[in-house]
Amino acid sequence: MTSSGRNLGALAFGFLMLQALWAIAILPLGFLNAASLTLLVSLILEDFFIEHWSGAMNRKIILRNITLFLVLGLVILGASRWSP
């Protein structure tokens, strides 16, 4: 991959993470649960980007990542105390 492609990928990843941080900040979560949810989003997005760039993206990987995100996201959201 060329350096311009890497730069564009880093820009896209940074933009998506900024949007995720903004959306998570709106939720009435404690800071540890918000950080856990942010880390989960970051790792899932990173895996999507790596698999896409390596050319190994397929339905199994997509379903694995979505399932992992839903299960762990529900655990994080279910374990949190929803503070006003």
Protein backbone atom coordinates (compact mmCIF):
# COMPACT_ATOMS: atom_id res chain seq x y z
CA MET A 1 0.00 0.00 0.00
CA THR A 2 1.29 3.45 -0.84
CA SER A 3 1.88 6.11 1.78
CA SER A 4 -1.04 8.18 0.48
CA GLY A 5 -3.32 5.14 0.93
CA ARG A 6 -2.05 4.68 4.48
CA ASN A 7 -2.59 8.36 5.21
CA LEU A 8 -6.12 8.20 3.85
CA GLY A 9 -6.82 5.09 5.95
CA ALA A 10 -5.45 6.77 9.07
CA LEU A 11 -7.60 9.82 8.37
CA ALA A 12 -10.71 7.66 7.92
CA PHE A 13 -9.96 5.71 11.11
CA GLY A 14 -9.39 8.90 13.08
CA PHE A 15 -12.59 10.45 11.75
CA LEU A 16 -14.67 7.38 12.61
CA MET A 17 -13.15 7.20 16.09
CA LEU A 18 -13.89 10.88 16.68
CA GLN A 19 -17.50 10.31 15.69
CA ALA A 20 -17.72 7.27 17.97
CA LEU A 21 -16.23 9.24 20.87
CA TRP A 22 -18.74 12.01 20.31
CA ALA A 23 -21.66 9.57 20.25
CA ILE A 24 -20.45 7.71 23.35
CA ALA A 25 -19.94 10.98 25.23
CA ILE A 26 -23.66 11.71 24.84
CA LEU A 27 -24.63 8.45 26.56
CA PRO A 28 -25.18 8.73 30.34
CA LEU A 29 -22.40 6.25 31.20
CA GLY A 30 -19.64 6.37 33.76
CA PHE A 31 -16.16 7.12 32.50
CA LEU A 32 -14.91 3.52 32.81
CA ASN A 33 -17.81 2.10 30.81
CA ALA A 34 -17.48 4.86 28.23
CA ALA A 35 -13.76 4.07 27.93
CA SER A 36 -14.52 0.36 27.58
CA LEU A 37 -17.06 1.02 24.86
CA THR A 38 -14.61 3.32 23.07
CA LEU A 39 -11.90 0.66 23.23
CA LEU A 40 -14.33 -1.93 21.85
CA VAL A 41 -15.25 0.32 18.92
CA SER A 42 -11.58 1.06 18.27
CA LEU A 43 -10.55 -2.60 18.21
CA ILE A 44 -13.46 -3.65 15.99
CA LEU A 45 -12.77 -0.82 13.52
CA GLU A 46 -9.07 -1.65 13.52
CA ASP A 47 -9.83 -5.28 12.70
CA PHE A 48 -12.15 -4.21 9.88
CA PHE A 49 -9.46 -1.93 8.41
CA ILE A 50 -6.70 -4.54 8.69
CA GLU A 51 -8.80 -7.28 7.12
CA HIS A 52 -9.90 -4.97 4.31
CA TRP A 53 -6.37 -3.83 3.49
CA SER A 54 -5.00 -7.37 3.54
CA GLY A 55 -7.76 -8.48 1.15
CA ALA A 56 -9.04 -11.14 3.53
CA MET A 57 -12.43 -9.55 4.22
CA ASN A 58 -15.25 -12.05 3.93
CA ARG A 59 -18.69 -12.71 5.40
CA LYS A 60 -17.30 -14.80 8.29
CA ILE A 61 -15.06 -11.96 9.51
CA ILE A 62 -17.84 -9.40 9.21
CA LEU A 63 -20.29 -11.57 11.17
CA ARG A 64 -17.65 -12.33 13.80
CA ASN A 65 -16.92 -8.66 14.36
CA ILE A 66 -20.59 -7.67 14.47
CA THR A 67 -21.39 -10.50 16.90
CA LEU A 68 -18.44 -9.60 19.11
CA PHE A 69 -19.46 -5.95 19.11
CA LEU A 70 -23.09 -6.71 19.96
CA VAL A 71 -22.30 -9.18 22.75
CA LEU A 72 -19.56 -7.14 24.41
CA GLY A 73 -21.44 -3.88 23.84
CA LEU A 74 -24.51 -5.28 25.56
CA VAL A 75 -22.36 -6.54 28.44
CA ILE A 76 -20.78 -3.09 28.86
CA LEU A 77 -24.10 -1.26 28.58
CA GLY A 78 -25.86 -3.77 30.83
CA ALA A 79 -23.19 -3.54 33.53
CA SER A 80 -23.24 0.24 33.62
CA ARG A 81 -25.19 2.39 35.99
CA TRP A 82 -27.09 4.86 33.84
CA SER A 83 -26.36 8.13 35.58
CA PRO A 84 -28.36 11.28 34.71
